[in-house]
Amino acid sequence: MIVSADVVPLADLKVNPSRVVKRATDEHRPVLVTSEGRGVAVVQSLIDYETAEEERAFMRAVVAGLADLESGREVSLATAKARLGLK
């Protein structure tokens, strides 16, 4: 994130919200909204938000799976398929 280009004062967001949303959508980068010099919110396109959420969920699943392996909580592929009713 290039901070100088991606920071918008709250007053600017109030005056022209569509411009801020368009920038976040077109550039696929979040825009930091500030109030009195401090960050208060982030404007991000919906598709970028959903993509980031999917990536975070995937990474959490990977970490959980690795923790299961380290703790000895594992089953064979055949057992997993049988439990899930797959052939």
PDB file of N, CA and C in Angstrom:
ATOM      1  N   MET A   1       0.844  -1.177   0.000  1.00  0.00           N
ATOM      2  CA  MET A   1       0.000   0.000   0.000  1.00  0.00           C
ATOM      3  C   MET A   1       0.886   1.235   0.000  1.00  0.00           C
ATOM      4  N   ILE A   2       0.668   2.121  -0.923  1.00  0.00           N
ATOM      5  CA  ILE A   2       1.400   3.379  -0.972  1.00  0.00           C
ATOM      6  C   ILE A   2       0.587   4.377  -0.159  1.00  0.00           C
ATOM      7  N   VAL A   3       1.033   4.628   1.056  1.00  0.00           N
ATOM      8  CA  VAL A   3       0.232   5.388   2.010  1.00  0.00           C
ATOM      9  C   VAL A   3      -0.138   6.763   1.491  1.00  0.00           C
ATOM     10  N   SER A   4       0.788   7.482   0.909  1.00  0.00           N
ATOM     11  CA  SER A   4       0.487   8.844   0.467  1.00  0.00           C
ATOM     12  C   SER A   4      -0.608   8.882  -0.594  1.00  0.00           C
ATOM     13  N   ALA A   5      -0.713   7.847  -1.415  1.00  0.00           N
ATOM     14  CA  ALA A   5      -1.716   7.817  -2.477  1.00  0.00           C
ATOM     15  C   ALA A   5      -3.033   7.211  -2.021  1.00  0.00           C
ATOM     16  N   ASP A   6      -3.022   6.468  -0.936  1.00  0.00           N
ATOM     17  CA  ASP A   6      -4.190   5.710  -0.521  1.00  0.00           C
ATOM     18  C   ASP A   6      -4.833   6.225   0.759  1.00  0.00           C
ATOM     19  N   VAL A   7      -4.598   7.471   1.102  1.00  0.00           N
ATOM     20  CA  VAL A   7      -5.180   8.070   2.300  1.00  0.00           C
ATOM     21  C   VAL A   7      -6.145   9.169   1.883  1.00  0.00           C
ATOM     22  N   VAL A   8      -7.342   9.118   2.453  1.00  0.00           N
ATOM     23  CA  VAL A   8      -8.361  10.113   2.135  1.00  0.00           C
ATOM     24  C   VAL A   8      -8.955  10.620   3.444  1.00  0.00           C
ATOM     25  N   PRO A   9      -8.973  11.916   3.663  1.00  0.00           N
ATOM     26  CA  PRO A   9      -9.629  12.446   4.864  1.00  0.00           C
ATOM     27  C   PRO A   9     -11.133  12.167   4.823  1.00  0.00           C
ATOM     28  N   LEU A  10     -11.718  11.948   5.966  1.00  0.00           N
ATOM     29  CA  LEU A  10     -13.140  11.677   6.079  1.00  0.00           C
ATOM     30  C   LEU A  10     -13.972  12.760   5.391  1.00  0.00           C
ATOM     31  N   ALA A  11     -13.539  14.011   5.476  1.00  0.00           N
ATOM     32  CA  ALA A  11     -14.259  15.112   4.830  1.00  0.00           C
ATOM     33  C   ALA A  11     -14.342  14.898   3.317  1.00  0.00           C
ATOM     34  N   ASP A  12     -13.256  14.393   2.694  1.00  0.00           N
ATOM     35  CA  ASP A  12     -13.273  14.117   1.257  1.00  0.00           C
ATOM     36  C   ASP A  12     -14.233  12.976   0.931  1.00  0.00           C
ATOM     37  N   LEU A  13     -14.289  11.988   1.803  1.00  0.00           N
ATOM     38  CA  LEU A  13     -15.210  10.876   1.593  1.00  0.00           C
ATOM     39  C   LEU A  13     -16.654  11.364   1.657  1.00  0.00           C
ATOM     40  N   LYS A  14     -16.939  12.284   2.565  1.00  0.00           N
ATOM     41  CA  LYS A  14     -18.289  12.827   2.690  1.00  0.00           C
ATOM     42  C   LYS A  14     -18.689  13.629   1.453  1.00  0.00           C
ATOM     43  N   VAL A  15     -17.731  14.364   0.885  1.00  0.00           N
ATOM     44  CA  VAL A  15     -18.010  15.221  -0.271  1.00  0.00           C
ATOM     45  C   VAL A  15     -18.203  14.397  -1.536  1.00  0.00           C
ATOM     46  N   ASN A  16     -17.345  13.399  -1.761  1.00  0.00           N
ATOM     47  CA  ASN A  16     -17.410  12.643  -3.007  1.00  0.00           C
ATOM     48  C   ASN A  16     -17.123  11.156  -2.754  1.00  0.00           C
ATOM     49  N   PRO A  17     -18.062  10.447  -2.126  1.00  0.00           N
ATOM     50  CA  PRO A  17     -17.824   9.042  -1.808  1.00  0.00           C
ATOM     51  C   PRO A  17     -17.633   8.162  -3.045  1.00  0.00           C
ATOM     52  N   SER A  18     -18.310   8.480  -4.131  1.00  0.00           N
ATOM     53  CA  SER A  18     -18.186   7.635  -5.327  1.00  0.00           C
ATOM     54  C   SER A  18     -16.771   7.666  -5.890  1.00  0.00           C
ATOM     55  N   ARG A  19     -16.084   8.802  -5.772  1.00  0.00           N
ATOM     56  CA  ARG A  19     -14.705   8.895  -6.258  1.00  0.00           C
ATOM     57  C   ARG A  19     -13.789   7.967  -5.458  1.00  0.00           C
ATOM     58  N   VAL A  20     -13.986   7.930  -4.140  1.00  0.00           N
ATOM     59  CA  VAL A  20     -13.159   7.076  -3.279  1.00  0.00           C
ATOM     60  C   VAL A  20     -13.438   5.602  -3.580  1.00  0.00           C
ATOM     61  N   VAL A  21     -14.700   5.247  -3.717  1.00  0.00           N
ATOM     62  CA  VAL A  21     -15.064   3.859  -4.016  1.00  0.00           C
ATOM     63  C   VAL A  21     -14.524   3.457  -5.387  1.00  0.00           C
ATOM     64  N   LYS A  22     -14.630   4.347  -6.371  1.00  0.00           N
ATOM     65  CA  LYS A  22     -14.115   4.060  -7.710  1.00  0.00           C
ATOM     66  C   LYS A  22     -12.607   3.831  -7.679  1.00  0.00           C
ATOM     67  N   ARG A  23     -11.901   4.638  -6.912  1.00  0.00           N
ATOM     68  CA  ARG A  23     -10.443   4.462  -6.814  1.00  0.00           C
ATOM     69  C   ARG A  23     -10.112   3.093  -6.220  1.00  0.00           C
ATOM     70  N   ALA A  24     -10.780   2.725  -5.131  1.00  0.00           N
ATOM     71  CA  ALA A  24     -10.516   1.437  -4.490  1.00  0.00           C
ATOM     72  C   ALA A  24     -10.836   0.280  -5.445  1.00  0.00           C
ATOM     73  N   THR A  25     -11.916   0.424  -6.200  1.00  0.00           N
ATOM     74  CA  THR A  25     -12.339  -0.624  -7.129  1.00  0.00           C
ATOM     75  C   THR A  25     -11.414  -0.705  -8.339  1.00  0.00           C
ATOM     76  N   ASP A  26     -11.100   0.418  -8.932  1.00  0.00           N
ATOM     77  CA  ASP A  26     -10.275   0.439 -10.147  1.00  0.00           C
ATOM     78  C   ASP A  26      -8.830   0.031  -9.884  1.00  0.00           C
ATOM     79  N   GLU A  27      -8.287   0.471  -8.743  1.00  0.00           N
ATOM     80  CA  GLU A  27      -6.872   0.216  -8.453  1.00  0.00           C
ATOM     81  C   GLU A  27      -6.655  -1.060  -7.647  1.00  0.00           C
ATOM     82  N   HIS A  28      -7.729  -1.682  -7.196  1.00  0.00           N
ATOM     83  CA  HIS A  28      -7.640  -2.913  -6.390  1.00  0.00           C
ATOM     84  C   HIS A  28      -6.713  -2.735  -5.191  1.00  0.00           C
ATOM     85  N   ARG A  29      -6.840  -1.550  -4.574  1.00  0.00           N
ATOM     86  CA  ARG A  29      -6.077  -1.277  -3.350  1.00  0.00           C
ATOM     87  C   ARG A  29      -7.026  -0.622  -2.360  1.00  0.00           C
ATOM     88  N   PRO A  30      -6.878  -0.961  -1.080  1.00  0.00           N
ATOM     89  CA  PRO A  30      -7.733  -0.320  -0.079  1.00  0.00           C
ATOM     90  C   PRO A  30      -7.363   1.142   0.098  1.00  0.00           C
ATOM     91  N   VAL A  31      -8.353   1.946   0.465  1.00  0.00           N
ATOM     92  CA  VAL A  31      -8.148   3.369   0.728  1.00  0.00           C
ATOM     93  C   VAL A  31      -8.358   3.593   2.215  1.00  0.00           C
ATOM     94  N   LEU A  32      -7.372   4.175   2.872  1.00  0.00           N
ATOM     95  CA  LEU A  32      -7.455   4.474   4.295  1.00  0.00           C
ATOM     96  C   LEU A  32      -8.173   5.800   4.493  1.00  0.00           C
ATOM     97  N   VAL A  33      -9.225   5.781   5.297  1.00  0.00           N
ATOM     98  CA  VAL A  33      -9.975   6.997   5.604  1.00  0.00           C
ATOM     99  C   VAL A  33      -9.498   7.491   6.969  1.00  0.00           C
ATOM    100  N   THR A  34      -9.166   8.783   7.029  1.00  0.00           N
ATOM    101  CA  THR A  34      -8.649   9.353   8.273  1.00  0.00           C
ATOM    102  C   THR A  34      -9.580  10.425   8.812  1.00  0.00           C
ATOM    103  N   SER A  35      -9.501  10.600  10.118  1.00  0.00           N
ATOM    104  CA  SER A  35     -10.215  11.680  10.797  1.00  0.00           C
ATOM    105  C   SER A  35      -9.256  12.271  11.808  1.00  0.00           C
ATOM    106  N   GLU A  36      -9.023  13.544  11.692  1.00  0.00           N
ATOM    107  CA  GLU A  36      -8.079  14.243  12.567  1.00  0.00           C
ATOM    108  C   GLU A  36      -6.705  13.579  12.540  1.00  0.00           C
ATOM    109  N   GLY A  37      -6.312  13.142  11.332  1.00  0.00           N
ATOM    110  CA  GLY A  37      -4.978  12.583  11.146  1.00  0.00           C
ATOM    111  C   GLY A  37      -4.813  11.128  11.544  1.00  0.00           C
ATOM    112  N   ARG A  38      -5.881  10.488  11.983  1.00  0.00           N
ATOM    113  CA  ARG A  38      -5.785   9.088  12.404  1.00  0.00           C
ATOM    114  C   ARG A  38      -6.671   8.219  11.517  1.00  0.00           C
ATOM    115  N   GLY A  39      -6.196   7.016  11.240  1.00  0.00           N
ATOM    116  CA  GLY A  39      -6.978   6.080  10.452  1.00  0.00           C
ATOM    117  C   GLY A  39      -8.225   5.643  11.206  1.00  0.00           C
ATOM    118  N   VAL A  40      -9.375   5.685  10.528  1.00  0.00           N
ATOM    119  CA  VAL A  40     -10.630   5.289  11.173  1.00  0.00           C
ATOM    120  C   VAL A  40     -11.372   4.202  10.400  1.00  0.00           C
ATOM    121  N   ALA A  41     -11.090   4.047   9.118  1.00  0.00           N
ATOM    122  CA  ALA A  41     -11.792   3.050   8.313  1.00  0.00           C
ATOM    123  C   ALA A  41     -10.998   2.755   7.052  1.00  0.00           C
ATOM    124  N   VAL A  42     -11.404   1.682   6.381  1.00  0.00           N
ATOM    125  CA  VAL A  42     -10.797   1.309   5.112  1.00  0.00           C
ATOM    126  C   VAL A  42     -11.918   1.079   4.110  1.00  0.00           C
ATOM    127  N   VAL A  43     -11.760   1.636   2.913  1.00  0.00           N
ATOM    128  CA  VAL A  43     -12.695   1.391   1.817  1.00  0.00           C
ATOM    129  C   VAL A  43     -11.999   0.430   0.869  1.00  0.00           C
ATOM    130  N   GLN A  44     -12.696  -0.681   0.574  1.00  0.00           N
ATOM    131  CA  GLN A  44     -12.116  -1.721  -0.272  1.00  0.00           C
ATOM    132  C   GLN A  44     -13.215  -2.256  -1.180  1.00  0.00           C
ATOM    133  N   SER A  45     -12.870  -2.625  -2.400  1.00  0.00           N
ATOM    134  CA  SER A  45     -13.881  -3.173  -3.294  1.00  0.00           C
ATOM    135  C   SER A  45     -14.388  -4.499  -2.741  1.00  0.00           C
ATOM    136  N   LEU A  46     -15.617  -4.826  -3.057  1.00  0.00           N
ATOM    137  CA  LEU A  46     -16.219  -6.059  -2.563  1.00  0.00           C
ATOM    138  C   LEU A  46     -15.468  -7.282  -3.050  1.00  0.00           C
ATOM    139  N   ILE A  47     -15.084  -7.298  -4.303  1.00  0.00           N
ATOM    140  CA  ILE A  47     -14.377  -8.466  -4.842  1.00  0.00           C
ATOM    141  C   ILE A  47     -13.025  -8.657  -4.165  1.00  0.00           C
ATOM    142  N   ASP A  48     -12.319  -7.548  -3.890  1.00  0.00           N
ATOM    143  CA  ASP A  48     -11.031  -7.654  -3.203  1.00  0.00           C
ATOM    144  C   ASP A  48     -11.226  -8.131  -1.762  1.00  0.00           C
ATOM    145  N   TYR A  49     -12.283  -7.651  -1.108  1.00  0.00           N
ATOM    146  CA  TYR A  49     -12.585  -8.078   0.259  1.00  0.00           C
ATOM    147  C   TYR A  49     -12.893  -9.578   0.290  1.00  0.00           C
ATOM    148  N   GLU A  50     -13.758 -10.029  -0.627  1.00  0.00           N
ATOM    149  CA  GLU A  50     -14.124 -11.444  -0.656  1.00  0.00           C
ATOM    150  C   GLU A  50     -12.915 -12.327  -0.953  1.00  0.00           C
ATOM    151  N   THR A  51     -12.067 -11.893  -1.861  1.00  0.00           N
ATOM    152  CA  THR A  51     -10.854 -12.649  -2.185  1.00  0.00           C
ATOM    153  C   THR A  51      -9.949 -12.759  -0.968  1.00  0.00           C
ATOM    154  N   ALA A  52      -9.762 -11.653  -0.269  1.00  0.00           N
ATOM    155  CA  ALA A  52      -8.909 -11.652   0.927  1.00  0.00           C
ATOM    156  C   ALA A  52      -9.495 -12.551   2.012  1.00  0.00           C
ATOM    157  N   GLU A  53     -10.820 -12.523   2.182  1.00  0.00           N
ATOM    158  CA  GLU A  53     -11.471 -13.381   3.181  1.00  0.00           C
ATOM    159  C   GLU A  53     -11.288 -14.854   2.838  1.00  0.00           C
ATOM    160  N   GLU A  54     -11.424 -15.210   1.560  1.00  0.00           N
ATOM    161  CA  GLU A  54     -11.218 -16.594   1.134  1.00  0.00           C
ATOM    162  C   GLU A  54      -9.781 -17.028   1.398  1.00  0.00           C
ATOM    163  N   GLU A  55      -8.822 -16.151   1.118  1.00  0.00           N
ATOM    164  CA  GLU A  55      -7.412 -16.473   1.359  1.00  0.00           C
ATOM    165  C   GLU A  55      -7.149 -16.666   2.850  1.00  0.00           C
ATOM    166  N   ARG A  56      -7.732 -15.798   3.690  1.00  0.00           N
ATOM    167  CA  ARG A  56      -7.556 -15.949   5.146  1.00  0.00           C
ATOM    168  C   ARG A  56      -8.175 -17.248   5.643  1.00  0.00           C
ATOM    169  N   ALA A  57      -9.354 -17.582   5.147  1.00  0.00           N
ATOM    170  CA  ALA A  57     -10.007 -18.833   5.559  1.00  0.00           C
ATOM    171  C   ALA A  57      -9.170 -20.040   5.138  1.00  0.00           C
ATOM    172  N   PHE A  58      -8.619 -19.999   3.926  1.00  0.00           N
ATOM    173  CA  PHE A  58      -7.770 -21.086   3.455  1.00  0.00           C
ATOM    174  C   PHE A  58      -6.532 -21.230   4.346  1.00  0.00           C
ATOM    175  N   MET A  59      -5.903 -20.108   4.654  1.00  0.00           N
ATOM    176  CA  MET A  59      -4.694 -20.160   5.485  1.00  0.00           C
ATOM    177  C   MET A  59      -5.012 -20.672   6.888  1.00  0.00           C
ATOM    178  N   ARG A  60      -6.166 -20.272   7.456  1.00  0.00           N
ATOM    179  CA  ARG A  60      -6.560 -20.797   8.772  1.00  0.00           C
ATOM    180  C   ARG A  60      -6.747 -22.309   8.706  1.00  0.00           C
ATOM    181  N   ALA A  61      -7.339 -22.807   7.606  1.00  0.00           N
ATOM    182  CA  ALA A  61      -7.537 -24.247   7.447  1.00  0.00           C
ATOM    183  C   ALA A  61      -6.196 -24.973   7.325  1.00  0.00           C
ATOM    184  N   VAL A  62      -5.254 -24.386   6.601  1.00  0.00           N
ATOM    185  CA  VAL A  62      -3.930 -24.984   6.465  1.00  0.00           C
ATOM    186  C   VAL A  62      -3.245 -25.065   7.828  1.00  0.00           C
ATOM    187  N   VAL A  63      -3.294 -23.971   8.584  1.00  0.00           N
ATOM    188  CA  VAL A  63      -2.675 -23.952   9.915  1.00  0.00           C
ATOM    189  C   VAL A  63      -3.329 -25.002  10.816  1.00  0.00           C
ATOM    190  N   ALA A  64      -4.653 -25.094  10.776  1.00  0.00           N
ATOM    191  CA  ALA A  64      -5.357 -26.096  11.595  1.00  0.00           C
ATOM    192  C   ALA A  64      -4.952 -27.504  11.170  1.00  0.00           C
ATOM    193  N   GLY A  65      -4.829 -27.733   9.870  1.00  0.00           N
ATOM    194  CA  GLY A  65      -4.417 -29.048   9.384  1.00  0.00           C
ATOM    195  C   GLY A  65      -3.006 -29.404   9.815  1.00  0.00           C
ATOM    196  N   LEU A  66      -2.112 -28.438   9.748  1.00  0.00           N
ATOM    197  CA  LEU A  66      -0.736 -28.687  10.203  1.00  0.00           C
ATOM    198  C   LEU A  66      -0.690 -28.970  11.697  1.00  0.00           C
ATOM    199  N   ALA A  67      -1.503 -28.254  12.468  1.00  0.00           N
ATOM    200  CA  ALA A  67      -1.568 -28.506  13.913  1.00  0.00           C
ATOM    201  C   ALA A  67      -2.099 -29.909  14.179  1.00  0.00           C
ATOM    202  N   ASP A  68      -3.092 -30.341  13.408  1.00  0.00           N
ATOM    203  CA  ASP A  68      -3.611 -31.704  13.558  1.00  0.00           C
ATOM    204  C   ASP A  68      -2.525 -32.734  13.269  1.00  0.00           C
ATOM    205  N   LEU A  69      -1.756 -32.510  12.209  1.00  0.00           N
ATOM    206  CA  LEU A  69      -0.674 -33.440  11.879  1.00  0.00           C
ATOM    207  C   LEU A  69       0.360 -33.510  12.994  1.00  0.00           C
ATOM    208  N   GLU A  70       0.733 -32.361  13.527  1.00  0.00           N
ATOM    209  CA  GLU A  70       1.732 -32.328  14.598  1.00  0.00           C
ATOM    210  C   GLU A  70       1.225 -33.016  15.860  1.00  0.00           C
ATOM    211  N   SER A  71      -0.081 -32.985  16.073  1.00  0.00           N
ATOM    212  CA  SER A  71      -0.664 -33.603  17.264  1.00  0.00           C
ATOM    213  C   SER A  71      -1.028 -35.066  17.041  1.00  0.00           C
ATOM    214  N   GLY A  72      -0.778 -35.564  15.855  1.00  0.00           N
ATOM    215  CA  GLY A  72      -1.080 -36.958  15.565  1.00  0.00           C
ATOM    216  C   GLY A  72      -2.542 -37.214  15.234  1.00  0.00           C
ATOM    217  N   ARG A  73      -3.294 -36.157  14.994  1.00  0.00           N
ATOM    218  CA  ARG A  73      -4.708 -36.318  14.634  1.00  0.00           C
ATOM    219  C   ARG A  73      -4.812 -36.389  13.115  1.00  0.00           C
ATOM    220  N   GLU A  74      -4.620 -37.591  12.587  1.00  0.00           N
ATOM    221  CA  GLU A  74      -4.698 -37.766  11.154  1.00  0.00           C
ATOM    222  C   GLU A  74      -5.351 -39.102  10.843  1.00  0.00           C
ATOM    223  N   VAL A  75      -5.927 -39.196   9.652  1.00  0.00           N
ATOM    224  CA  VAL A  75      -6.524 -40.444   9.190  1.00  0.00           C
ATOM    225  C   VAL A  75      -6.070 -40.670   7.751  1.00  0.00           C
ATOM    226  N   SER A  76      -6.166 -41.894   7.310  1.00  0.00           N
ATOM    227  CA  SER A  76      -5.790 -42.199   5.932  1.00  0.00           C
ATOM    228  C   SER A  76      -6.847 -41.650   4.987  1.00  0.00           C
ATOM    229  N   LEU A  77      -6.493 -41.539   3.727  1.00  0.00           N
ATOM    230  CA  LEU A  77      -7.427 -41.057   2.715  1.00  0.00           C
ATOM    231  C   LEU A  77      -8.630 -41.989   2.630  1.00  0.00           C
ATOM    232  N   ALA A  78      -8.374 -43.276   2.700  1.00  0.00           N
ATOM    233  CA  ALA A  78      -9.465 -44.255   2.622  1.00  0.00           C
ATOM    234  C   ALA A  78     -10.444 -44.077   3.780  1.00  0.00           C
ATOM    235  N   THR A  79      -9.930 -43.842   4.978  1.00  0.00           N
ATOM    236  CA  THR A  79     -10.786 -43.624   6.151  1.00  0.00           C
ATOM    237  C   THR A  79     -11.588 -42.347   6.006  1.00  0.00           C
ATOM    238  N   ALA A  80     -10.950 -41.283   5.532  1.00  0.00           N
ATOM    239  CA  ALA A  80     -11.631 -40.012   5.345  1.00  0.00           C
ATOM    240  C   ALA A  80     -12.769 -40.173   4.330  1.00  0.00           C
ATOM    241  N   LYS A  81     -12.483 -40.846   3.208  1.00  0.00           N
ATOM    242  CA  LYS A  81     -13.525 -41.060   2.207  1.00  0.00           C
ATOM    243  C   LYS A  81     -14.675 -41.874   2.767  1.00  0.00           C
ATOM    244  N   ALA A  82     -14.373 -42.879   3.557  1.00  0.00           N
ATOM    245  CA  ALA A  82     -15.420 -43.712   4.150  1.00  0.00           C
ATOM    246  C   ALA A  82     -16.287 -42.887   5.104  1.00  0.00           C
ATOM    247  N   ARG A  83     -15.659 -42.062   5.921  1.00  0.00           N
ATOM    248  CA  ARG A  83     -16.414 -41.215   6.859  1.00  0.00           C
ATOM    249  C   ARG A  83     -17.316 -40.224   6.135  1.00  0.00           C
ATOM    250  N   LEU A  84     -16.854 -39.745   4.978  1.00  0.00           N
ATOM    251  CA  LEU A  84     -17.625 -38.766   4.220  1.00  0.00           C
ATOM    252  C   LEU A  84     -18.586 -39.407   3.220  1.00  0.00           C
ATOM    253  N   GLY A  85     -18.549 -40.731   3.153  1.00  0.00           N
ATOM    254  CA  GLY A  85     -19.441 -41.439   2.243  1.00  0.00           C
ATOM    255  C   GLY A  85     -19.043 -41.301   0.789  1.00  0.00           C
ATOM    256  N   LEU A  86     -17.756 -41.137   0.546  1.00  0.00           N
ATOM    257  CA  LEU A  86     -17.242 -41.000  -0.826  1.00  0.00           C
ATOM    258  C   LEU A  86     -16.655 -42.325  -1.293  1.00  0.00           C
ATOM    259  N   LYS A  87     -16.609 -42.496  -2.591  1.00  0.00           N
ATOM    260  CA  LYS A  87     -16.037 -43.731  -3.161  1.00  0.00           C
ATOM    261  C   LYS A  87     -14.661 -43.480  -3.692  1.00  0.00           C
TER     262      LYS A  87
END
